[in-house]
């Protein structure tokens, strides 16, 4: 007998890029994902709460998380003020029934934001039931040079946050031990971005099982300890030659995730 884990498996809308947010909902419904994480970016639908609600209702796919617009290409999405971005992400999560807002640490050149980031995230966390899960990042590398692009640190476990997101493509890029990082996060690990990487220095977001990261080991360890957060498939399908190839990759990622979550949930002696 297998005990079904409490963790839900969601599809990041970023996983269908360059297709649209709307396409992500269609694919999530067709493949049987438990929900979606909305990456708020330049697609107008990703910024529109009512449009997202209509997609969720139509496809009967809940929105489990909102990824705040933290990327370089989203510097003007939902304001240029990073705190306003987070306030709007929280409001979107509350209105859409999502439990989690994923946020990156600031870029180093966002000096005032970085200076107040840890205390500011705690303050916002006290104002809502939505989790602000701060995501591990990585050093930027060019040839043999390394640049620290994030502040106060790309390794978020070096600071005090209520909740963390661990991203296994980012651990590959940072060349750090994902299982050891997850152990440092402990009970404050509330959210997982599942992808793979080869440690090449690029943020690859490979389908889990196609790189060197301990994706299976991490999933099994989370299931064994009763992890009840969300596991979000966040992979890069930009090189897919067709919609069918993209869906095959996303179906493979879903099957891998469910298999290894269930592997540790088997009831002994049954």
C-alpha atoms as a PDB file:
ATOM      1  CA  UNK A   1       0.000   0.000   0.000  1.00  0.00           C
ATOM      2  CA  UNK A   2       1.195   3.535  -0.743  1.00  0.00           C
ATOM      3  CA  UNK A   3       0.251   6.531   1.377  1.00  0.00           C
ATOM      4  CA  UNK A   4      -0.438   9.500  -0.901  1.00  0.00           C
ATOM      5  CA  UNK A   5       1.806  12.422   0.123  1.00  0.00           C
ATOM      6  CA  UNK A   6       0.202  15.689   1.197  1.00  0.00           C
ATOM      7  CA  UNK A   7       2.438  17.735  -1.110  1.00  0.00           C
ATOM      8  CA  UNK A   8       0.728  18.989  -4.252  1.00  0.00           C
ATOM      9  CA  UNK A   9       2.545  19.049  -7.582  1.00  0.00           C
ATOM     10  CA  UNK A  10       2.082  22.260  -9.551  1.00  0.00           C
ATOM     11  CA  UNK A  11       3.219  23.516 -12.935  1.00  0.00           C
ATOM     12  CA  UNK A  12       4.993  26.851 -13.130  1.00  0.00           C
ATOM     13  CA  UNK A  13       3.591  28.940 -15.954  1.00  0.00           C
ATOM     14  CA  UNK A  14       7.260  29.729 -16.758  1.00  0.00           C
ATOM     15  CA  UNK A  15       7.627  26.095 -17.862  1.00  0.00           C
ATOM     16  CA  UNK A  16       5.725  26.708 -21.109  1.00  0.00           C
ATOM     17  CA  UNK A  17       7.673  29.830 -22.199  1.00  0.00           C
ATOM     18  CA  UNK A  18       7.576  31.173 -24.912  1.00  0.00           C
ATOM     19  CA  UNK A  19       3.947  30.056 -24.846  1.00  0.00           C
ATOM     20  CA  UNK A  20       1.515  32.126 -22.794  1.00  0.00           C
ATOM     21  CA  UNK A  21       0.195  31.919 -19.246  1.00  0.00           C
ATOM     22  CA  UNK A  22      -3.140  30.721 -20.654  1.00  0.00           C
ATOM     23  CA  UNK A  23      -1.435  27.782 -22.384  1.00  0.00           C
ATOM     24  CA  UNK A  24       0.115  26.747 -19.046  1.00  0.00           C
ATOM     25  CA  UNK A  25      -3.346  26.340 -17.520  1.00  0.00           C
ATOM     26  CA  UNK A  26      -4.476  24.227 -20.498  1.00  0.00           C
ATOM     27  CA  UNK A  27      -1.448  21.942 -20.231  1.00  0.00           C
ATOM     28  CA  UNK A  28      -1.679  21.649 -16.438  1.00  0.00           C
ATOM     29  CA  UNK A  29      -5.307  20.555 -16.740  1.00  0.00           C
ATOM     30  CA  UNK A  30      -4.643  18.120 -19.575  1.00  0.00           C
ATOM     31  CA  UNK A  31      -1.682  16.435 -17.849  1.00  0.00           C
ATOM     32  CA  UNK A  32      -3.269  16.255 -14.403  1.00  0.00           C
ATOM     33  CA  UNK A  33      -1.155  18.656 -12.368  1.00  0.00           C
ATOM     34  CA  UNK A  34      -2.645  19.607  -8.988  1.00  0.00           C
ATOM     35  CA  UNK A  35      -2.382  23.322  -9.727  1.00  0.00           C
ATOM     36  CA  UNK A  36      -0.207  26.088 -11.135  1.00  0.00           C
ATOM     37  CA  UNK A  37       2.293  28.626  -9.894  1.00  0.00           C
ATOM     38  CA  UNK A  38       1.838  31.892 -11.766  1.00  0.00           C
ATOM     39  CA  UNK A  39       5.085  33.550 -12.805  1.00  0.00           C
ATOM     40  CA  UNK A  40       4.226  37.257 -12.981  1.00  0.00           C
ATOM     41  CA  UNK A  41       6.125  38.651 -15.933  1.00  0.00           C
ATOM     42  CA  UNK A  42       5.535  40.647 -19.145  1.00  0.00           C
ATOM     43  CA  UNK A  43       2.552  38.546 -20.305  1.00  0.00           C
ATOM     44  CA  UNK A  44      -0.428  40.841 -19.454  1.00  0.00           C
ATOM     45  CA  UNK A  45      -2.564  37.861 -18.381  1.00  0.00           C
ATOM     46  CA  UNK A  46      -0.016  36.952 -15.692  1.00  0.00           C
ATOM     47  CA  UNK A  47      -0.542  40.421 -14.179  1.00  0.00           C
ATOM     48  CA  UNK A  48      -4.356  40.397 -14.337  1.00  0.00           C
ATOM     49  CA  UNK A  49      -6.030  38.852 -11.276  1.00  0.00           C
ATOM     50  CA  UNK A  50      -9.470  38.559 -12.896  1.00  0.00           C
ATOM     51  CA  UNK A  51      -8.054  36.944 -16.036  1.00  0.00           C
ATOM     52  CA  UNK A  52      -6.146  34.459 -13.872  1.00  0.00           C
ATOM     53  CA  UNK A  53      -9.274  33.686 -11.863  1.00  0.00           C
ATOM     54  CA  UNK A  54     -11.233  32.999 -15.060  1.00  0.00           C
ATOM     55  CA  UNK A  55      -8.502  30.653 -16.346  1.00  0.00           C
ATOM     56  CA  UNK A  56      -8.379  28.829 -13.024  1.00  0.00           C
ATOM     57  CA  UNK A  57     -12.168  28.406 -12.924  1.00  0.00           C
ATOM     58  CA  UNK A  58     -12.486  27.389 -16.583  1.00  0.00           C
ATOM     59  CA  UNK A  59      -9.765  24.718 -16.427  1.00  0.00           C
ATOM     60  CA  UNK A  60     -10.568  23.727 -12.820  1.00  0.00           C
ATOM     61  CA  UNK A  61      -6.907  24.165 -11.930  1.00  0.00           C
ATOM     62  CA  UNK A  62      -6.212  26.003  -8.658  1.00  0.00           C
ATOM     63  CA  UNK A  63      -3.524  28.654  -8.358  1.00  0.00           C
ATOM     64  CA  UNK A  64      -1.280  27.409  -5.548  1.00  0.00           C
ATOM     65  CA  UNK A  65       1.448  30.063  -5.649  1.00  0.00           C
ATOM     66  CA  UNK A  66       2.346  33.427  -7.142  1.00  0.00           C
ATOM     67  CA  UNK A  67       5.942  34.158  -8.158  1.00  0.00           C
ATOM     68  CA  UNK A  68       6.549  37.871  -7.609  1.00  0.00           C
ATOM     69  CA  UNK A  69       8.100  39.773 -10.561  1.00  0.00           C
ATOM     70  CA  UNK A  70      11.769  39.638  -9.506  1.00  0.00           C
ATOM     71  CA  UNK A  71      13.518  39.094 -12.852  1.00  0.00           C
ATOM     72  CA  UNK A  72      15.534  41.633 -14.834  1.00  0.00           C
ATOM     73  CA  UNK A  73      12.872  41.632 -17.566  1.00  0.00           C
ATOM     74  CA  UNK A  74      10.133  42.459 -15.038  1.00  0.00           C
ATOM     75  CA  UNK A  75      11.700  45.555 -13.491  1.00  0.00           C
ATOM     76  CA  UNK A  76       8.708  47.673 -14.563  1.00  0.00           C
ATOM     77  CA  UNK A  77       5.963  45.082 -13.965  1.00  0.00           C
ATOM     78  CA  UNK A  78       3.625  46.065 -11.101  1.00  0.00           C
ATOM     79  CA  UNK A  79       5.673  49.208 -10.334  1.00  0.00           C
ATOM     80  CA  UNK A  80       9.399  49.900 -10.195  1.00  0.00           C
ATOM     81  CA  UNK A  81       9.251  49.846  -6.378  1.00  0.00           C
ATOM     82  CA  UNK A  82      10.151  46.299  -5.235  1.00  0.00           C
ATOM     83  CA  UNK A  83       8.047  46.571  -2.060  1.00  0.00           C
ATOM     84  CA  UNK A  84       4.988  47.530  -4.118  1.00  0.00           C
ATOM     85  CA  UNK A  85       5.624  44.465  -6.291  1.00  0.00           C
ATOM     86  CA  UNK A  86       5.546  42.254  -3.187  1.00  0.00           C
ATOM     87  CA  UNK A  87       2.418  43.957  -1.849  1.00  0.00           C
ATOM     88  CA  UNK A  88       0.665  43.346  -5.158  1.00  0.00           C
ATOM     89  CA  UNK A  89       1.876  39.729  -5.228  1.00  0.00           C
ATOM     90  CA  UNK A  90       0.460  39.221  -1.741  1.00  0.00           C
ATOM     91  CA  UNK A  91      -2.862  40.782  -2.747  1.00  0.00           C
ATOM     92  CA  UNK A  92      -3.006  38.559  -5.832  1.00  0.00           C
ATOM     93  CA  UNK A  93      -2.278  35.452  -3.756  1.00  0.00           C
ATOM     94  CA  UNK A  94      -4.968  36.371  -1.230  1.00  0.00           C
ATOM     95  CA  UNK A  95      -7.587  37.016  -3.919  1.00  0.00           C
ATOM     96  CA  UNK A  96      -6.713  33.889  -5.913  1.00  0.00           C
ATOM     97  CA  UNK A  97      -6.500  31.542  -2.916  1.00  0.00           C
ATOM     98  CA  UNK A  98      -2.773  30.865  -3.330  1.00  0.00           C
ATOM     99  CA  UNK A  99      -0.878  29.962  -0.171  1.00  0.00           C
ATOM    100  CA  UNK A 100       2.587  31.129  -1.216  1.00  0.00           C
ATOM    101  CA  UNK A 101       4.410  34.087  -2.745  1.00  0.00           C
ATOM    102  CA  UNK A 102       7.852  33.190  -4.090  1.00  0.00           C
ATOM    103  CA  UNK A 103      10.385  35.999  -3.919  1.00  0.00           C
ATOM    104  CA  UNK A 104      14.035  36.315  -4.945  1.00  0.00           C
ATOM    105  CA  UNK A 105      16.565  38.178  -2.796  1.00  0.00           C
ATOM    106  CA  UNK A 106      17.335  41.662  -4.161  1.00  0.00           C
ATOM    107  CA  UNK A 107      19.964  42.447  -6.752  1.00  0.00           C
ATOM    108  CA  UNK A 108      23.031  44.050  -5.175  1.00  0.00           C
ATOM    109  CA  UNK A 109      22.386  47.367  -6.918  1.00  0.00           C
ATOM    110  CA  UNK A 110      18.986  47.609  -5.175  1.00  0.00           C
ATOM    111  CA  UNK A 111      20.838  48.861  -2.127  1.00  0.00           C
ATOM    112  CA  UNK A 112      18.048  50.263   0.040  1.00  0.00           C
ATOM    113  CA  UNK A 113      15.775  47.319  -0.751  1.00  0.00           C
ATOM    114  CA  UNK A 114      18.569  44.887   0.089  1.00  0.00           C
ATOM    115  CA  UNK A 115      19.391  46.690   3.329  1.00  0.00           C
ATOM    116  CA  UNK A 116      15.815  46.334   4.602  1.00  0.00           C
ATOM    117  CA  UNK A 117      14.941  43.049   2.894  1.00  0.00           C
ATOM    118  CA  UNK A 118      15.144  40.577   5.789  1.00  0.00           C
ATOM    119  CA  UNK A 119      13.224  42.756   8.237  1.00  0.00           C
ATOM    120  CA  UNK A 120      10.776  43.825   5.539  1.00  0.00           C
ATOM    121  CA  UNK A 121       9.935  40.244   4.585  1.00  0.00           C
ATOM    122  CA  UNK A 122       9.294  39.421   8.251  1.00  0.00           C
ATOM    123  CA  UNK A 123       7.043  42.475   8.549  1.00  0.00           C
ATOM    124  CA  UNK A 124       5.022  41.444   5.496  1.00  0.00           C
ATOM    125  CA  UNK A 125       4.833  37.844   6.731  1.00  0.00           C
ATOM    126  CA  UNK A 126       3.196  39.045   9.952  1.00  0.00           C
ATOM    127  CA  UNK A 127       0.468  40.833   7.963  1.00  0.00           C
ATOM    128  CA  UNK A 128      -0.962  37.836   6.101  1.00  0.00           C
ATOM    129  CA  UNK A 129      -1.475  34.079   6.148  1.00  0.00           C
ATOM    130  CA  UNK A 130       0.295  33.884   2.767  1.00  0.00           C
ATOM    131  CA  UNK A 131       3.813  32.473   3.008  1.00  0.00           C
ATOM    132  CA  UNK A 132       6.648  34.596   1.633  1.00  0.00           C
ATOM    133  CA  UNK A 133       9.081  31.859   0.591  1.00  0.00           C
ATOM    134  CA  UNK A 134      12.491  33.350  -0.234  1.00  0.00           C
ATOM    135  CA  UNK A 135      14.325  31.449  -2.975  1.00  0.00           C
ATOM    136  CA  UNK A 136      17.981  30.433  -3.129  1.00  0.00           C
ATOM    137  CA  UNK A 137      19.855  31.958  -6.061  1.00  0.00           C
ATOM    138  CA  UNK A 138      23.486  31.608  -7.278  1.00  0.00           C
ATOM    139  CA  UNK A 139      26.636  33.583  -8.115  1.00  0.00           C
ATOM    140  CA  UNK A 140      26.836  34.891 -11.673  1.00  0.00           C
ATOM    141  CA  UNK A 141      29.832  33.472 -13.547  1.00  0.00           C
ATOM    142  CA  UNK A 142      31.694  34.585 -16.655  1.00  0.00           C
ATOM    143  CA  UNK A 143      34.598  32.359 -17.711  1.00  0.00           C
ATOM    144  CA  UNK A 144      36.643  32.048 -14.500  1.00  0.00           C
ATOM    145  CA  UNK A 145      35.173  35.087 -12.804  1.00  0.00           C
ATOM    146  CA  UNK A 146      32.370  35.061 -10.251  1.00  0.00           C
ATOM    147  CA  UNK A 147      30.116  38.010  -9.408  1.00  0.00           C
ATOM    148  CA  UNK A 148      27.879  38.172  -6.359  1.00  0.00           C
ATOM    149  CA  UNK A 149      24.703  39.553  -7.922  1.00  0.00           C
ATOM    150  CA  UNK A 150      22.304  39.154  -4.983  1.00  0.00           C
ATOM    151  CA  UNK A 151      22.127  40.784  -1.560  1.00  0.00           C
ATOM    152  CA  UNK A 152      22.144  40.174   1.295  1.00  0.00           C
ATOM    153  CA  UNK A 153      23.183  36.771  -0.137  1.00  0.00           C
ATOM    154  CA  UNK A 154      22.351  34.270  -2.880  1.00  0.00           C
ATOM    155  CA  UNK A 155      22.434  31.547  -0.183  1.00  0.00           C
ATOM    156  CA  UNK A 156      19.269  32.473   1.664  1.00  0.00           C
ATOM    157  CA  UNK A 157      20.015  30.073   4.534  1.00  0.00           C
ATOM    158  CA  UNK A 158      22.621  32.557   5.775  1.00  0.00           C
ATOM    159  CA  UNK A 159      19.795  34.848   6.874  1.00  0.00           C
ATOM    160  CA  UNK A 160      16.677  34.538   8.974  1.00  0.00           C
ATOM    161  CA  UNK A 161      13.488  34.073   6.929  1.00  0.00           C
ATOM    162  CA  UNK A 162      10.249  32.462   8.028  1.00  0.00           C
ATOM    163  CA  UNK A 163       9.910  30.375   4.843  1.00  0.00           C
ATOM    164  CA  UNK A 164      12.226  29.233   2.066  1.00  0.00           C
ATOM    165  CA  UNK A 165      11.913  28.025  -1.524  1.00  0.00           C
ATOM    166  CA  UNK A 166      14.608  25.626  -2.709  1.00  0.00           C
ATOM    167  CA  UNK A 167      15.316  25.580  -6.459  1.00  0.00           C
ATOM    168  CA  UNK A 168      17.424  22.661  -7.696  1.00  0.00           C
ATOM    169  CA  UNK A 169      18.467  24.329 -10.936  1.00  0.00           C
ATOM    170  CA  UNK A 170      19.853  27.130  -8.785  1.00  0.00           C
ATOM    171  CA  UNK A 171      21.731  24.709  -6.499  1.00  0.00           C
ATOM    172  CA  UNK A 172      23.299  23.230  -9.653  1.00  0.00           C
ATOM    173  CA  UNK A 173      24.352  26.668 -10.896  1.00  0.00           C
ATOM    174  CA  UNK A 174      25.726  27.572  -7.450  1.00  0.00           C
ATOM    175  CA  UNK A 175      27.464  24.159  -7.281  1.00  0.00           C
ATOM    176  CA  UNK A 176      26.193  23.530  -3.773  1.00  0.00           C
ATOM    177  CA  UNK A 177      24.671  20.454  -2.125  1.00  0.00           C
ATOM    178  CA  UNK A 178      20.878  20.614  -2.492  1.00  0.00           C
ATOM    179  CA  UNK A 179      20.147  18.004   0.161  1.00  0.00           C
ATOM    180  CA  UNK A 180      22.429  19.742   2.641  1.00  0.00           C
ATOM    181  CA  UNK A 181      20.816  23.118   1.849  1.00  0.00           C
ATOM    182  CA  UNK A 182      17.340  21.653   2.343  1.00  0.00           C
ATOM    183  CA  UNK A 183      18.492  20.262   5.701  1.00  0.00           C
ATOM    184  CA  UNK A 184      19.656  23.748   6.740  1.00  0.00           C
ATOM    185  CA  UNK A 185      16.251  25.132   5.765  1.00  0.00           C
ATOM    186  CA  UNK A 186      14.619  22.520   7.989  1.00  0.00           C
ATOM    187  CA  UNK A 187      10.956  23.044   8.811  1.00  0.00           C
ATOM    188  CA  UNK A 188      11.059  26.469   7.168  1.00  0.00           C
ATOM    189  CA  UNK A 189      11.366  24.871   3.737  1.00  0.00           C
ATOM    190  CA  UNK A 190       7.849  25.490   2.473  1.00  0.00           C
ATOM    191  CA  UNK A 191       8.155  25.374  -1.300  1.00  0.00           C
ATOM    192  CA  UNK A 192      10.183  23.515  -3.938  1.00  0.00           C
ATOM    193  CA  UNK A 193      11.059  24.471  -7.507  1.00  0.00           C
ATOM    194  CA  UNK A 194      11.856  21.143  -9.092  1.00  0.00           C
ATOM    195  CA  UNK A 195      14.246  21.143 -12.020  1.00  0.00           C
ATOM    196  CA  UNK A 196      17.666  19.724 -12.755  1.00  0.00           C
ATOM    197  CA  UNK A 197      21.039  21.095 -13.759  1.00  0.00           C
ATOM    198  CA  UNK A 198      24.494  19.912 -14.733  1.00  0.00           C
ATOM    199  CA  UNK A 199      26.523  22.471 -12.744  1.00  0.00           C
ATOM    200  CA  UNK A 200      27.614  24.165 -15.954  1.00  0.00           C
ATOM    201  CA  UNK A 201      27.314  27.683 -14.553  1.00  0.00           C
ATOM    202  CA  UNK A 202      24.098  28.339 -16.492  1.00  0.00           C
ATOM    203  CA  UNK A 203      20.653  28.284 -14.893  1.00  0.00           C
ATOM    204  CA  UNK A 204      19.445  25.364 -17.004  1.00  0.00           C
ATOM    205  CA  UNK A 205      16.113  24.228 -15.499  1.00  0.00           C
ATOM    206  CA  UNK A 206      16.353  20.772 -17.043  1.00  0.00           C
ATOM    207  CA  UNK A 207      13.623  18.154 -16.726  1.00  0.00           C
ATOM    208  CA  UNK A 208      14.315  16.344 -13.416  1.00  0.00           C
ATOM    209  CA  UNK A 209      16.444  13.258 -13.966  1.00  0.00           C
ATOM    210  CA  UNK A 210      18.368  14.760 -16.878  1.00  0.00           C
ATOM    211  CA  UNK A 211      21.078  16.471 -14.834  1.00  0.00           C
ATOM    212  CA  UNK A 212      23.225  15.824 -11.799  1.00  0.00           C
ATOM    213  CA  UNK A 213      21.028  17.136  -9.006  1.00  0.00           C
ATOM    214  CA  UNK A 214      19.621  14.807  -6.302  1.00  0.00           C
ATOM    215  CA  UNK A 215      16.024  15.450  -7.385  1.00  0.00           C
ATOM    216  CA  UNK A 216      14.800  11.956  -6.490  1.00  0.00           C
ATOM    217  CA  UNK A 217      16.645  11.900  -3.163  1.00  0.00           C
ATOM    218  CA  UNK A 218      15.259  15.282  -2.144  1.00  0.00           C
ATOM    219  CA  UNK A 219      11.669  14.360  -3.055  1.00  0.00           C
ATOM    220  CA  UNK A 220      11.899  11.079  -1.159  1.00  0.00           C
ATOM    221  CA  UNK A 221      13.332  12.787   1.918  1.00  0.00           C
ATOM    222  CA  UNK A 222      10.579  15.412   1.857  1.00  0.00           C
ATOM    223  CA  UNK A 223       7.855  12.793   1.531  1.00  0.00           C
ATOM    224  CA  UNK A 224       9.381  10.735   4.335  1.00  0.00           C
ATOM    225  CA  UNK A 225       9.144  13.666   6.730  1.00  0.00           C
ATOM    226  CA  UNK A 226       5.586  14.575   5.722  1.00  0.00           C
ATOM    227  CA  UNK A 227       6.334  17.710   3.691  1.00  0.00           C
ATOM    228  CA  UNK A 228       3.017  19.434   3.000  1.00  0.00           C
ATOM    229  CA  UNK A 229       4.186  22.364   0.902  1.00  0.00           C
ATOM    230  CA  UNK A 230       4.057  22.534  -2.879  1.00  0.00           C
ATOM    231  CA  UNK A 231       6.452  20.979  -5.371  1.00  0.00           C
ATOM    232  CA  UNK A 232       6.475  23.115  -8.506  1.00  0.00           C
ATOM    233  CA  UNK A 233       7.846  21.839 -11.807  1.00  0.00           C
ATOM    234  CA  UNK A 234       9.805  24.798 -13.185  1.00  0.00           C
ATOM    235  CA  UNK A 235      11.646  23.597 -16.278  1.00  0.00           C
ATOM    236  CA  UNK A 236      12.870  25.147 -19.505  1.00  0.00           C
ATOM    237  CA  UNK A 237      11.028  23.902 -22.618  1.00  0.00           C
ATOM    238  CA  UNK A 238      12.129  26.687 -24.963  1.00  0.00           C
ATOM    239  CA  UNK A 239      13.956  24.222 -27.209  1.00  0.00           C
ATOM    240  CA  UNK A 240      10.919  21.995 -27.705  1.00  0.00           C
ATOM    241  CA  UNK A 241      10.321  21.629 -31.429  1.00  0.00           C
ATOM    242  CA  UNK A 242       6.537  21.308 -31.043  1.00  0.00           C
ATOM    243  CA  UNK A 243       3.711  21.553 -28.554  1.00  0.00           C
ATOM    244  CA  UNK A 244       3.660  17.768 -28.343  1.00  0.00           C
ATOM    245  CA  UNK A 245       7.353  17.665 -27.397  1.00  0.00           C
ATOM    246  CA  UNK A 246       6.792  20.330 -24.731  1.00  0.00           C
ATOM    247  CA  UNK A 247       3.891  18.386 -23.252  1.00  0.00           C
ATOM    248  CA  UNK A 248       5.933  15.177 -23.279  1.00  0.00           C
ATOM    249  CA  UNK A 249       8.659  16.913 -21.244  1.00  0.00           C
ATOM    250  CA  UNK A 250       6.117  18.260 -18.754  1.00  0.00           C
ATOM    251  CA  UNK A 251       4.394  14.882 -18.479  1.00  0.00           C
ATOM    252  CA  UNK A 252       7.773  13.248 -17.796  1.00  0.00           C
ATOM    253  CA  UNK A 253       8.534  15.823 -15.107  1.00  0.00           C
ATOM    254  CA  UNK A 254       5.155  15.222 -13.449  1.00  0.00           C
ATOM    255  CA  UNK A 255       5.593  11.428 -13.511  1.00  0.00           C
ATOM    256  CA  UNK A 256       9.113  11.717 -12.037  1.00  0.00           C
ATOM    257  CA  UNK A 257       7.865  13.962  -9.230  1.00  0.00           C
ATOM    258  CA  UNK A 258       4.901  11.789  -8.302  1.00  0.00           C
ATOM    259  CA  UNK A 259       6.969   8.606  -8.459  1.00  0.00           C
ATOM    260  CA  UNK A 260       9.616   9.842  -6.037  1.00  0.00           C
ATOM    261  CA  UNK A 261       7.165  11.505  -3.670  1.00  0.00           C
ATOM    262  CA  UNK A 262       5.309   8.192  -3.446  1.00  0.00           C
ATOM    263  CA  UNK A 263       8.475   6.067  -3.175  1.00  0.00           C
ATOM    264  CA  UNK A 264       9.155   7.239   0.370  1.00  0.00           C
ATOM    265  CA  UNK A 265       5.509   7.111   1.345  1.00  0.00           C
ATOM    266  CA  UNK A 266       5.136   3.328   1.130  1.00  0.00           C
ATOM    267  CA  UNK A 267       3.768   1.852   4.307  1.00  0.00           C
ATOM    268  CA  UNK A 268       6.331  -0.625   5.744  1.00  0.00           C
ATOM    269  CA  UNK A 269       5.325  -4.276   5.584  1.00  0.00           C
ATOM    270  CA  UNK A 270       2.496  -3.741   3.109  1.00  0.00           C
END
